[in-house]
N, C-alpha and C. Protein backbone atom coordinates (compact mmCIF):
# COMPACT_ATOMS: atom_id res chain seq x y z
N MET A 1 -50.43 -53.90 -47.57
CA MET A 1 -49.47 -53.05 -46.91
C MET A 1 -49.98 -52.52 -45.57
N TYR A 2 -51.30 -52.50 -45.41
CA TYR A 2 -51.85 -51.94 -44.18
C TYR A 2 -51.59 -52.85 -42.99
N ARG A 3 -51.14 -54.09 -43.21
CA ARG A 3 -50.88 -55.01 -42.10
C ARG A 3 -49.38 -55.24 -41.91
N THR A 4 -48.55 -54.34 -42.38
CA THR A 4 -47.11 -54.52 -42.27
C THR A 4 -46.65 -54.54 -40.82
N LEU A 5 -47.12 -53.61 -40.04
CA LEU A 5 -46.69 -53.53 -38.64
C LEU A 5 -47.07 -54.77 -37.83
N PRO A 6 -48.31 -55.28 -37.94
CA PRO A 6 -48.62 -56.51 -37.20
C PRO A 6 -47.76 -57.70 -37.63
N TYR A 7 -47.42 -57.77 -38.93
CA TYR A 7 -46.60 -58.89 -39.38
C TYR A 7 -45.14 -58.74 -38.95
N LEU A 8 -44.65 -57.52 -38.85
CA LEU A 8 -43.32 -57.32 -38.28
C LEU A 8 -43.31 -57.74 -36.81
N GLY A 9 -44.39 -57.43 -36.10
CA GLY A 9 -44.52 -57.87 -34.71
C GLY A 9 -44.60 -59.38 -34.60
N LEU A 10 -45.33 -60.02 -35.52
CA LEU A 10 -45.40 -61.48 -35.53
C LEU A 10 -44.04 -62.10 -35.82
N PHE A 11 -43.30 -61.51 -36.76
CA PHE A 11 -41.95 -61.98 -37.08
C PHE A 11 -41.07 -61.93 -35.83
N ALA A 12 -41.06 -60.76 -35.17
CA ALA A 12 -40.23 -60.59 -33.98
C ALA A 12 -40.68 -61.53 -32.86
N ALA A 13 -41.98 -61.65 -32.65
CA ALA A 13 -42.49 -62.52 -31.59
C ALA A 13 -42.15 -63.98 -31.87
N ALA A 14 -42.28 -64.42 -33.12
CA ALA A 14 -41.98 -65.81 -33.46
C ALA A 14 -40.49 -66.12 -33.24
N VAL A 15 -39.63 -65.21 -33.66
CA VAL A 15 -38.18 -65.42 -33.49
C VAL A 15 -37.83 -65.41 -32.00
N LEU A 16 -38.34 -64.45 -31.26
CA LEU A 16 -38.02 -64.36 -29.84
C LEU A 16 -38.57 -65.55 -29.05
N LEU A 17 -39.79 -65.97 -29.35
CA LEU A 17 -40.34 -67.15 -28.68
C LEU A 17 -39.49 -68.39 -28.96
N GLN A 18 -39.07 -68.54 -30.22
CA GLN A 18 -38.28 -69.70 -30.58
C GLN A 18 -36.93 -69.68 -29.87
N VAL A 19 -36.26 -68.55 -29.90
CA VAL A 19 -34.90 -68.46 -29.36
C VAL A 19 -34.90 -68.54 -27.84
N PHE A 20 -35.79 -67.81 -27.19
CA PHE A 20 -35.71 -67.72 -25.74
C PHE A 20 -36.58 -68.72 -24.99
N LEU A 21 -37.60 -69.27 -25.63
CA LEU A 21 -38.46 -70.21 -24.93
C LEU A 21 -38.31 -71.63 -25.47
N PHE A 22 -38.66 -71.83 -26.73
CA PHE A 22 -38.74 -73.19 -27.26
C PHE A 22 -37.39 -73.85 -27.47
N ASP A 23 -36.34 -73.09 -27.74
CA ASP A 23 -35.01 -73.69 -27.86
C ASP A 23 -34.45 -74.12 -26.51
N ASN A 24 -34.99 -73.59 -25.44
CA ASN A 24 -34.51 -73.93 -24.11
C ASN A 24 -35.32 -75.01 -23.42
N LEU A 25 -36.35 -75.52 -24.08
CA LEU A 25 -37.12 -76.64 -23.53
C LEU A 25 -36.35 -77.93 -23.78
N THR A 26 -35.96 -78.59 -22.73
CA THR A 26 -35.24 -79.85 -22.87
C THR A 26 -36.03 -80.96 -22.18
N ILE A 27 -37.19 -81.25 -22.74
CA ILE A 27 -38.05 -82.28 -22.18
C ILE A 27 -37.59 -83.65 -22.65
N SER A 28 -37.32 -83.76 -23.93
CA SER A 28 -36.92 -85.02 -24.52
C SER A 28 -36.15 -84.74 -25.80
N ILE A 29 -35.35 -85.70 -26.23
CA ILE A 29 -34.62 -85.54 -27.48
C ILE A 29 -35.57 -85.56 -28.67
N TYR A 30 -36.74 -86.17 -28.49
CA TYR A 30 -37.71 -86.27 -29.56
C TYR A 30 -38.59 -85.04 -29.67
N LEU A 31 -38.60 -84.23 -28.66
CA LEU A 31 -39.48 -83.07 -28.62
C LEU A 31 -38.67 -81.80 -28.87
N ASN A 32 -38.77 -81.28 -30.08
CA ASN A 32 -38.06 -80.08 -30.47
C ASN A 32 -39.02 -79.18 -31.24
N PRO A 33 -39.87 -78.42 -30.54
CA PRO A 33 -40.85 -77.59 -31.25
C PRO A 33 -40.18 -76.43 -31.98
N LEU A 34 -40.50 -76.31 -33.26
CA LEU A 34 -40.00 -75.22 -34.09
C LEU A 34 -41.21 -74.40 -34.52
N VAL A 35 -41.56 -73.41 -33.73
CA VAL A 35 -42.79 -72.67 -33.94
C VAL A 35 -42.60 -71.39 -34.75
N TYR A 36 -41.39 -71.05 -35.11
CA TYR A 36 -41.16 -69.80 -35.82
C TYR A 36 -41.80 -69.79 -37.20
N ILE A 37 -42.16 -70.96 -37.74
CA ILE A 37 -42.77 -71.01 -39.06
C ILE A 37 -44.20 -70.48 -39.07
N VAL A 38 -44.72 -70.12 -37.90
CA VAL A 38 -46.05 -69.52 -37.83
C VAL A 38 -46.09 -68.24 -38.66
N PHE A 39 -44.98 -67.57 -38.79
CA PHE A 39 -44.92 -66.34 -39.59
C PHE A 39 -45.24 -66.63 -41.05
N ILE A 40 -44.68 -67.67 -41.61
CA ILE A 40 -44.94 -68.04 -43.00
C ILE A 40 -46.37 -68.55 -43.13
N ALA A 41 -46.82 -69.33 -42.17
CA ALA A 41 -48.16 -69.92 -42.23
C ALA A 41 -49.26 -68.87 -42.21
N LEU A 42 -49.04 -67.76 -41.51
CA LEU A 42 -50.09 -66.75 -41.35
C LEU A 42 -50.00 -65.58 -42.31
N LEU A 43 -49.08 -65.62 -43.25
CA LEU A 43 -49.08 -64.57 -44.27
C LEU A 43 -50.37 -64.67 -45.07
N PRO A 44 -50.91 -63.54 -45.53
CA PRO A 44 -52.15 -63.60 -46.31
C PRO A 44 -52.01 -64.52 -47.52
N LEU A 45 -53.10 -65.20 -47.86
CA LEU A 45 -53.06 -66.18 -48.93
C LEU A 45 -52.80 -65.55 -50.29
N ASP A 46 -53.11 -64.27 -50.45
CA ASP A 46 -52.88 -63.61 -51.74
C ASP A 46 -51.54 -62.89 -51.81
N THR A 47 -50.66 -63.15 -50.86
CA THR A 47 -49.32 -62.56 -50.89
C THR A 47 -48.58 -63.08 -52.12
N PRO A 48 -47.92 -62.20 -52.88
CA PRO A 48 -47.18 -62.65 -54.07
C PRO A 48 -46.12 -63.68 -53.68
N PRO A 49 -45.92 -64.70 -54.52
CA PRO A 49 -44.94 -65.75 -54.20
C PRO A 49 -43.53 -65.23 -53.95
N ALA A 50 -43.13 -64.19 -54.67
CA ALA A 50 -41.79 -63.64 -54.45
C ALA A 50 -41.67 -63.03 -53.05
N ALA A 51 -42.75 -62.42 -52.57
CA ALA A 51 -42.73 -61.84 -51.22
C ALA A 51 -42.70 -62.95 -50.17
N VAL A 52 -43.40 -64.04 -50.40
CA VAL A 52 -43.39 -65.16 -49.46
C VAL A 52 -41.99 -65.78 -49.42
N LEU A 53 -41.36 -65.92 -50.58
CA LEU A 53 -39.99 -66.45 -50.61
C LEU A 53 -39.01 -65.51 -49.91
N GLY A 54 -39.18 -64.21 -50.11
CA GLY A 54 -38.33 -63.24 -49.42
C GLY A 54 -38.51 -63.30 -47.91
N ALA A 55 -39.77 -63.43 -47.48
CA ALA A 55 -40.05 -63.56 -46.04
C ALA A 55 -39.47 -64.85 -45.50
N GLY A 56 -39.57 -65.93 -46.27
CA GLY A 56 -38.99 -67.21 -45.86
C GLY A 56 -37.48 -67.14 -45.73
N LEU A 57 -36.85 -66.45 -46.68
CA LEU A 57 -35.39 -66.30 -46.62
C LEU A 57 -34.98 -65.47 -45.40
N ALA A 58 -35.69 -64.37 -45.17
CA ALA A 58 -35.37 -63.53 -44.01
C ALA A 58 -35.55 -64.30 -42.70
N LEU A 59 -36.64 -65.05 -42.61
CA LEU A 59 -36.90 -65.82 -41.40
C LEU A 59 -35.86 -66.92 -41.21
N GLY A 60 -35.54 -67.64 -42.27
CA GLY A 60 -34.56 -68.72 -42.18
C GLY A 60 -33.17 -68.23 -41.81
N VAL A 61 -32.73 -67.15 -42.43
CA VAL A 61 -31.40 -66.61 -42.12
C VAL A 61 -31.36 -66.09 -40.69
N THR A 62 -32.44 -65.42 -40.26
CA THR A 62 -32.50 -64.92 -38.88
C THR A 62 -32.42 -66.07 -37.89
N MET A 63 -33.15 -67.15 -38.15
CA MET A 63 -33.13 -68.29 -37.24
C MET A 63 -31.79 -69.02 -37.27
N ASP A 64 -31.17 -69.13 -38.43
CA ASP A 64 -29.84 -69.74 -38.50
C ASP A 64 -28.84 -68.94 -37.71
N PHE A 65 -28.91 -67.63 -37.82
CA PHE A 65 -28.00 -66.77 -37.07
C PHE A 65 -28.25 -66.89 -35.57
N ALA A 66 -29.51 -66.89 -35.17
CA ALA A 66 -29.86 -66.95 -33.75
C ALA A 66 -29.57 -68.31 -33.13
N MET A 67 -29.75 -69.38 -33.90
CA MET A 67 -29.57 -70.73 -33.37
C MET A 67 -28.17 -71.28 -33.62
N GLY A 68 -27.38 -70.57 -34.39
CA GLY A 68 -26.04 -71.05 -34.70
C GLY A 68 -26.04 -72.24 -35.65
N ALA A 69 -27.06 -72.32 -36.48
CA ALA A 69 -27.16 -73.42 -37.44
C ALA A 69 -26.48 -73.01 -38.74
N ALA A 70 -26.20 -73.99 -39.55
CA ALA A 70 -25.45 -73.74 -40.79
C ALA A 70 -26.35 -73.81 -42.01
N GLY A 71 -27.49 -73.15 -41.99
CA GLY A 71 -28.35 -73.09 -43.15
C GLY A 71 -29.53 -74.05 -43.14
N ILE A 72 -29.64 -74.88 -42.12
CA ILE A 72 -30.73 -75.85 -42.07
C ILE A 72 -32.09 -75.14 -41.99
N ASN A 73 -32.19 -74.13 -41.16
CA ASN A 73 -33.45 -73.39 -41.03
C ASN A 73 -33.80 -72.69 -42.34
N THR A 74 -32.81 -72.13 -43.00
CA THR A 74 -33.05 -71.43 -44.26
C THR A 74 -33.58 -72.38 -45.33
N ILE A 75 -32.97 -73.55 -45.45
CA ILE A 75 -33.40 -74.52 -46.46
C ILE A 75 -34.83 -74.97 -46.18
N ALA A 76 -35.11 -75.35 -44.94
CA ALA A 76 -36.44 -75.84 -44.60
C ALA A 76 -37.50 -74.75 -44.73
N THR A 77 -37.17 -73.54 -44.31
CA THR A 77 -38.14 -72.45 -44.37
C THR A 77 -38.39 -72.01 -45.81
N LEU A 78 -37.35 -71.97 -46.62
CA LEU A 78 -37.55 -71.63 -48.03
C LEU A 78 -38.40 -72.67 -48.74
N LEU A 79 -38.24 -73.92 -48.38
CA LEU A 79 -39.05 -74.96 -49.01
C LEU A 79 -40.54 -74.78 -48.69
N ILE A 80 -40.86 -74.51 -47.43
CA ILE A 80 -42.28 -74.33 -47.12
C ILE A 80 -42.81 -73.03 -47.70
N ALA A 81 -41.96 -72.01 -47.82
CA ALA A 81 -42.39 -70.77 -48.47
C ALA A 81 -42.67 -71.03 -49.95
N PHE A 82 -41.89 -71.88 -50.57
CA PHE A 82 -42.08 -72.23 -51.98
C PHE A 82 -43.33 -73.09 -52.18
N LEU A 83 -43.54 -74.06 -51.29
CA LEU A 83 -44.66 -74.98 -51.42
C LEU A 83 -45.98 -74.44 -50.87
N ARG A 84 -45.93 -73.35 -50.13
CA ARG A 84 -47.12 -72.82 -49.45
C ARG A 84 -48.29 -72.55 -50.39
N PRO A 85 -48.10 -71.88 -51.53
CA PRO A 85 -49.27 -71.65 -52.41
C PRO A 85 -49.89 -72.96 -52.91
N THR A 86 -49.07 -73.93 -53.22
CA THR A 86 -49.58 -75.22 -53.69
C THR A 86 -50.32 -75.95 -52.59
N LEU A 87 -49.72 -76.02 -51.40
CA LEU A 87 -50.38 -76.68 -50.27
C LEU A 87 -51.68 -75.97 -49.89
N ALA A 88 -51.65 -74.65 -49.88
CA ALA A 88 -52.86 -73.89 -49.53
C ALA A 88 -53.94 -74.13 -50.57
N GLY A 89 -53.57 -74.18 -51.83
CA GLY A 89 -54.56 -74.45 -52.87
C GLY A 89 -55.16 -75.84 -52.77
N MET A 90 -54.32 -76.82 -52.44
CA MET A 90 -54.81 -78.20 -52.32
C MET A 90 -55.69 -78.38 -51.09
N ILE A 91 -55.29 -77.80 -49.98
CA ILE A 91 -55.99 -78.03 -48.72
C ILE A 91 -57.16 -77.06 -48.54
N CYS A 92 -56.93 -75.79 -48.79
CA CYS A 92 -57.95 -74.77 -48.51
C CYS A 92 -58.89 -74.53 -49.68
N GLY A 93 -58.49 -74.92 -50.87
CA GLY A 93 -59.30 -74.68 -52.06
C GLY A 93 -58.78 -73.47 -52.82
N ARG A 94 -58.81 -73.58 -54.13
CA ARG A 94 -58.30 -72.49 -54.99
C ARG A 94 -59.10 -71.20 -54.81
N ASP A 95 -60.38 -71.31 -54.56
CA ASP A 95 -61.20 -70.11 -54.40
C ASP A 95 -60.78 -69.30 -53.18
N ASN A 96 -60.50 -69.97 -52.06
CA ASN A 96 -60.04 -69.28 -50.85
C ASN A 96 -58.70 -68.61 -51.07
N VAL A 97 -57.82 -69.26 -51.83
CA VAL A 97 -56.51 -68.67 -52.09
C VAL A 97 -56.65 -67.44 -52.97
N ARG A 98 -57.52 -67.51 -53.99
CA ARG A 98 -57.72 -66.37 -54.88
C ARG A 98 -58.34 -65.19 -54.15
N GLU A 99 -59.23 -65.47 -53.20
CA GLU A 99 -59.87 -64.40 -52.43
C GLU A 99 -58.89 -63.72 -51.50
N GLY A 100 -57.86 -64.43 -51.08
CA GLY A 100 -56.86 -63.86 -50.19
C GLY A 100 -57.32 -63.89 -48.75
N GLY A 101 -56.71 -63.04 -47.96
CA GLY A 101 -57.04 -62.98 -46.54
C GLY A 101 -56.08 -63.82 -45.70
N ILE A 102 -56.16 -63.61 -44.44
CA ILE A 102 -55.30 -64.32 -43.50
C ILE A 102 -55.87 -65.71 -43.25
N PRO A 103 -55.05 -66.75 -43.38
CA PRO A 103 -55.57 -68.08 -43.06
C PRO A 103 -55.88 -68.18 -41.57
N SER A 104 -57.08 -68.60 -41.26
CA SER A 104 -57.48 -68.76 -39.87
C SER A 104 -58.58 -69.80 -39.80
N SER A 105 -58.84 -70.28 -38.61
CA SER A 105 -59.90 -71.28 -38.44
C SER A 105 -61.27 -70.67 -38.70
N ALA A 106 -61.45 -69.40 -38.42
CA ALA A 106 -62.73 -68.75 -38.67
C ALA A 106 -62.99 -68.60 -40.16
N ARG A 107 -61.96 -68.40 -40.93
CA ARG A 107 -62.10 -68.18 -42.36
C ARG A 107 -62.16 -69.47 -43.16
N LEU A 108 -61.30 -70.43 -42.81
CA LEU A 108 -61.19 -71.66 -43.58
C LEU A 108 -61.98 -72.82 -42.98
N GLY A 109 -62.32 -72.71 -41.73
CA GLY A 109 -62.90 -73.84 -41.01
C GLY A 109 -61.80 -74.52 -40.21
N GLU A 110 -62.16 -75.03 -39.07
CA GLU A 110 -61.16 -75.60 -38.15
C GLU A 110 -60.38 -76.75 -38.78
N ARG A 111 -61.08 -77.65 -39.45
CA ARG A 111 -60.42 -78.83 -40.00
C ARG A 111 -59.42 -78.47 -41.10
N LYS A 112 -59.83 -77.61 -42.03
CA LYS A 112 -58.92 -77.21 -43.11
C LYS A 112 -57.73 -76.42 -42.58
N PHE A 113 -57.99 -75.57 -41.60
CA PHE A 113 -56.91 -74.76 -41.04
C PHE A 113 -55.87 -75.64 -40.32
N ILE A 114 -56.34 -76.59 -39.53
CA ILE A 114 -55.41 -77.48 -38.83
C ILE A 114 -54.66 -78.36 -39.84
N THR A 115 -55.34 -78.83 -40.87
CA THR A 115 -54.67 -79.63 -41.90
C THR A 115 -53.60 -78.81 -42.60
N TYR A 116 -53.89 -77.55 -42.89
CA TYR A 116 -52.93 -76.64 -43.50
C TYR A 116 -51.71 -76.44 -42.61
N LEU A 117 -51.94 -76.20 -41.33
CA LEU A 117 -50.82 -76.01 -40.39
C LEU A 117 -49.99 -77.28 -40.24
N VAL A 118 -50.64 -78.42 -40.13
CA VAL A 118 -49.92 -79.68 -39.97
C VAL A 118 -49.11 -80.00 -41.23
N ALA A 119 -49.67 -79.74 -42.40
CA ALA A 119 -48.95 -80.02 -43.65
C ALA A 119 -47.69 -79.15 -43.76
N LEU A 120 -47.82 -77.86 -43.49
CA LEU A 120 -46.64 -76.97 -43.54
C LEU A 120 -45.60 -77.40 -42.50
N THR A 121 -46.06 -77.70 -41.30
CA THR A 121 -45.15 -78.09 -40.22
C THR A 121 -44.47 -79.42 -40.54
N LEU A 122 -45.21 -80.36 -41.08
CA LEU A 122 -44.64 -81.67 -41.41
C LEU A 122 -43.56 -81.56 -42.48
N VAL A 123 -43.82 -80.78 -43.51
CA VAL A 123 -42.80 -80.60 -44.56
C VAL A 123 -41.57 -79.93 -43.97
N HIS A 124 -41.76 -78.89 -43.19
CA HIS A 124 -40.62 -78.18 -42.59
C HIS A 124 -39.82 -79.11 -41.69
N HIS A 125 -40.49 -79.83 -40.82
CA HIS A 125 -39.79 -80.69 -39.88
C HIS A 125 -39.11 -81.87 -40.57
N ALA A 126 -39.74 -82.41 -41.61
CA ALA A 126 -39.12 -83.52 -42.33
C ALA A 126 -37.79 -83.09 -42.94
N VAL A 127 -37.77 -81.92 -43.55
CA VAL A 127 -36.53 -81.42 -44.15
C VAL A 127 -35.53 -81.06 -43.05
N PHE A 128 -35.99 -80.36 -42.03
CA PHE A 128 -35.10 -79.90 -40.96
C PHE A 128 -34.40 -81.07 -40.27
N PHE A 129 -35.18 -82.05 -39.82
CA PHE A 129 -34.59 -83.16 -39.06
C PHE A 129 -33.81 -84.12 -39.95
N SER A 130 -34.19 -84.24 -41.22
CA SER A 130 -33.41 -85.07 -42.14
C SER A 130 -32.05 -84.45 -42.40
N LEU A 131 -32.02 -83.14 -42.59
CA LEU A 131 -30.73 -82.46 -42.78
C LEU A 131 -29.91 -82.44 -41.50
N GLU A 132 -30.57 -82.37 -40.38
CA GLU A 132 -29.86 -82.39 -39.10
C GLU A 132 -29.20 -83.75 -38.87
N ALA A 133 -29.90 -84.83 -39.23
CA ALA A 133 -29.36 -86.18 -39.03
C ALA A 133 -28.30 -86.51 -40.10
N LEU A 134 -28.57 -86.15 -41.33
CA LEU A 134 -27.68 -86.40 -42.47
C LEU A 134 -27.20 -87.84 -42.55
N SER A 135 -28.08 -88.77 -42.19
CA SER A 135 -27.72 -90.18 -42.22
C SER A 135 -28.99 -91.00 -42.21
N TRP A 136 -28.94 -92.18 -42.85
CA TRP A 136 -30.06 -93.11 -42.80
C TRP A 136 -29.84 -94.14 -41.70
N THR A 137 -28.76 -93.99 -40.95
CA THR A 137 -28.45 -94.95 -39.89
C THR A 137 -29.55 -95.00 -38.83
N HIS A 138 -30.03 -93.87 -38.45
CA HIS A 138 -31.06 -93.78 -37.42
C HIS A 138 -32.36 -93.24 -38.03
N ALA A 139 -32.81 -93.88 -39.08
CA ALA A 139 -33.99 -93.40 -39.80
C ALA A 139 -35.24 -93.43 -38.93
N LEU A 140 -35.42 -94.48 -38.15
CA LEU A 140 -36.60 -94.55 -37.28
C LEU A 140 -36.55 -93.49 -36.18
N HIS A 141 -35.36 -93.26 -35.66
CA HIS A 141 -35.16 -92.21 -34.65
C HIS A 141 -35.53 -90.85 -35.25
N THR A 142 -35.07 -90.58 -36.46
CA THR A 142 -35.37 -89.32 -37.13
C THR A 142 -36.86 -89.21 -37.43
N LEU A 143 -37.47 -90.29 -37.87
CA LEU A 143 -38.90 -90.29 -38.16
C LEU A 143 -39.72 -90.02 -36.89
N LEU A 144 -39.31 -90.60 -35.79
CA LEU A 144 -40.00 -90.35 -34.52
C LEU A 144 -39.86 -88.89 -34.11
N ARG A 145 -38.68 -88.32 -34.29
CA ARG A 145 -38.48 -86.90 -33.99
C ARG A 145 -39.37 -86.03 -34.86
N ILE A 146 -39.49 -86.39 -36.15
CA ILE A 146 -40.33 -85.62 -37.06
C ILE A 146 -41.79 -85.66 -36.62
N VAL A 147 -42.28 -86.84 -36.31
CA VAL A 147 -43.70 -86.99 -35.95
C VAL A 147 -44.02 -86.28 -34.62
N VAL A 148 -43.23 -86.53 -33.61
CA VAL A 148 -43.50 -85.94 -32.29
C VAL A 148 -43.36 -84.42 -32.34
N SER A 149 -42.30 -83.95 -32.94
CA SER A 149 -42.08 -82.50 -33.01
C SER A 149 -43.13 -81.82 -33.87
N THR A 150 -43.58 -82.48 -34.93
CA THR A 150 -44.64 -81.90 -35.76
C THR A 150 -45.93 -81.75 -34.97
N ALA A 151 -46.29 -82.77 -34.21
CA ALA A 151 -47.52 -82.72 -33.43
C ALA A 151 -47.46 -81.59 -32.39
N VAL A 152 -46.37 -81.49 -31.68
CA VAL A 152 -46.24 -80.47 -30.64
C VAL A 152 -46.14 -79.07 -31.26
N SER A 153 -45.34 -78.95 -32.31
CA SER A 153 -45.19 -77.64 -32.98
C SER A 153 -46.51 -77.17 -33.56
N ALA A 154 -47.24 -78.07 -34.21
CA ALA A 154 -48.52 -77.69 -34.80
C ALA A 154 -49.50 -77.21 -33.72
N GLY A 155 -49.46 -77.83 -32.56
CA GLY A 155 -50.30 -77.39 -31.46
C GLY A 155 -49.96 -75.98 -31.00
N PHE A 156 -48.68 -75.71 -30.82
CA PHE A 156 -48.25 -74.38 -30.41
C PHE A 156 -48.53 -73.34 -31.51
N ILE A 157 -48.31 -73.73 -32.76
CA ILE A 157 -48.58 -72.81 -33.87
C ILE A 157 -50.06 -72.48 -33.94
N TRP A 158 -50.91 -73.47 -33.69
CA TRP A 158 -52.34 -73.24 -33.69
C TRP A 158 -52.73 -72.23 -32.61
N ILE A 159 -52.12 -72.37 -31.42
CA ILE A 159 -52.40 -71.43 -30.33
C ILE A 159 -51.96 -70.02 -30.70
N ILE A 160 -50.75 -69.90 -31.26
CA ILE A 160 -50.25 -68.58 -31.66
C ILE A 160 -51.13 -67.99 -32.75
N ALA A 161 -51.56 -68.84 -33.70
CA ALA A 161 -52.43 -68.36 -34.78
C ALA A 161 -53.76 -67.87 -34.23
N ARG A 162 -54.32 -68.57 -33.24
CA ARG A 162 -55.57 -68.13 -32.63
C ARG A 162 -55.41 -66.76 -31.97
N ILE A 163 -54.26 -66.56 -31.32
CA ILE A 163 -54.01 -65.26 -30.68
C ILE A 163 -53.85 -64.17 -31.73
N PHE A 164 -53.08 -64.46 -32.80
CA PHE A 164 -52.80 -63.45 -33.82
C PHE A 164 -54.05 -63.09 -34.62
N THR A 165 -54.92 -64.04 -34.86
CA THR A 165 -56.10 -63.76 -35.69
C THR A 165 -57.35 -63.43 -34.89
N ALA A 166 -57.22 -63.33 -33.57
CA ALA A 166 -58.38 -62.97 -32.73
C ALA A 166 -58.80 -61.54 -32.99
N LYS A 167 -60.08 -61.33 -32.97
CA LYS A 167 -60.60 -59.98 -33.14
C LYS A 167 -60.55 -59.30 -31.77
N ILE A 168 -59.75 -58.26 -31.70
CA ILE A 168 -59.60 -57.51 -30.46
C ILE A 168 -60.58 -56.34 -30.48
N PRO A 169 -61.46 -56.28 -29.48
CA PRO A 169 -62.43 -55.18 -29.47
C PRO A 169 -61.73 -53.85 -29.20
N VAL A 170 -62.17 -52.85 -29.94
CA VAL A 170 -61.59 -51.52 -29.79
C VAL A 170 -62.41 -50.74 -28.78
N ARG A 171 -61.74 -50.18 -27.78
CA ARG A 171 -62.44 -49.37 -26.77
C ARG A 171 -62.31 -47.91 -27.11
N ILE A 172 -63.39 -47.22 -26.92
CA ILE A 172 -63.39 -45.79 -27.22
C ILE A 172 -63.32 -45.00 -25.93
């Protein structure tokens, strides 16, 4: 509970960055970074599953409302909120999950942390872009969008995670 305010700030920052910056990037049809999932990725590992699902629902509904989507963000975000404990246990190790704490490269190691972020992002993007396409007609096109957007999103999420988990020196 002592970290409620920073997480509310992360929620607001993730939503605002997505809506005002990343949704307005029109570099390519294949490049669609969805970085708002950083909020789910950076929740403490010992957060109760019901709280993670509630946070996923709040984030998904907020993004659907902001982006004018019809539930695609909610479905994809709820899925990663549901799978997060399992993915974290498989990638980071059960002991790290039981100990809790904020997932970060300093705590888990760079390789495990990046694998964790890429796995969450890949699952989210696979569901999101598959539901967006709703057809197997352009399966290769959808697969390319998933791969490219996952790579770019994971990079941006890693940068945001580094900023959020940085130790800020306190000045007296």
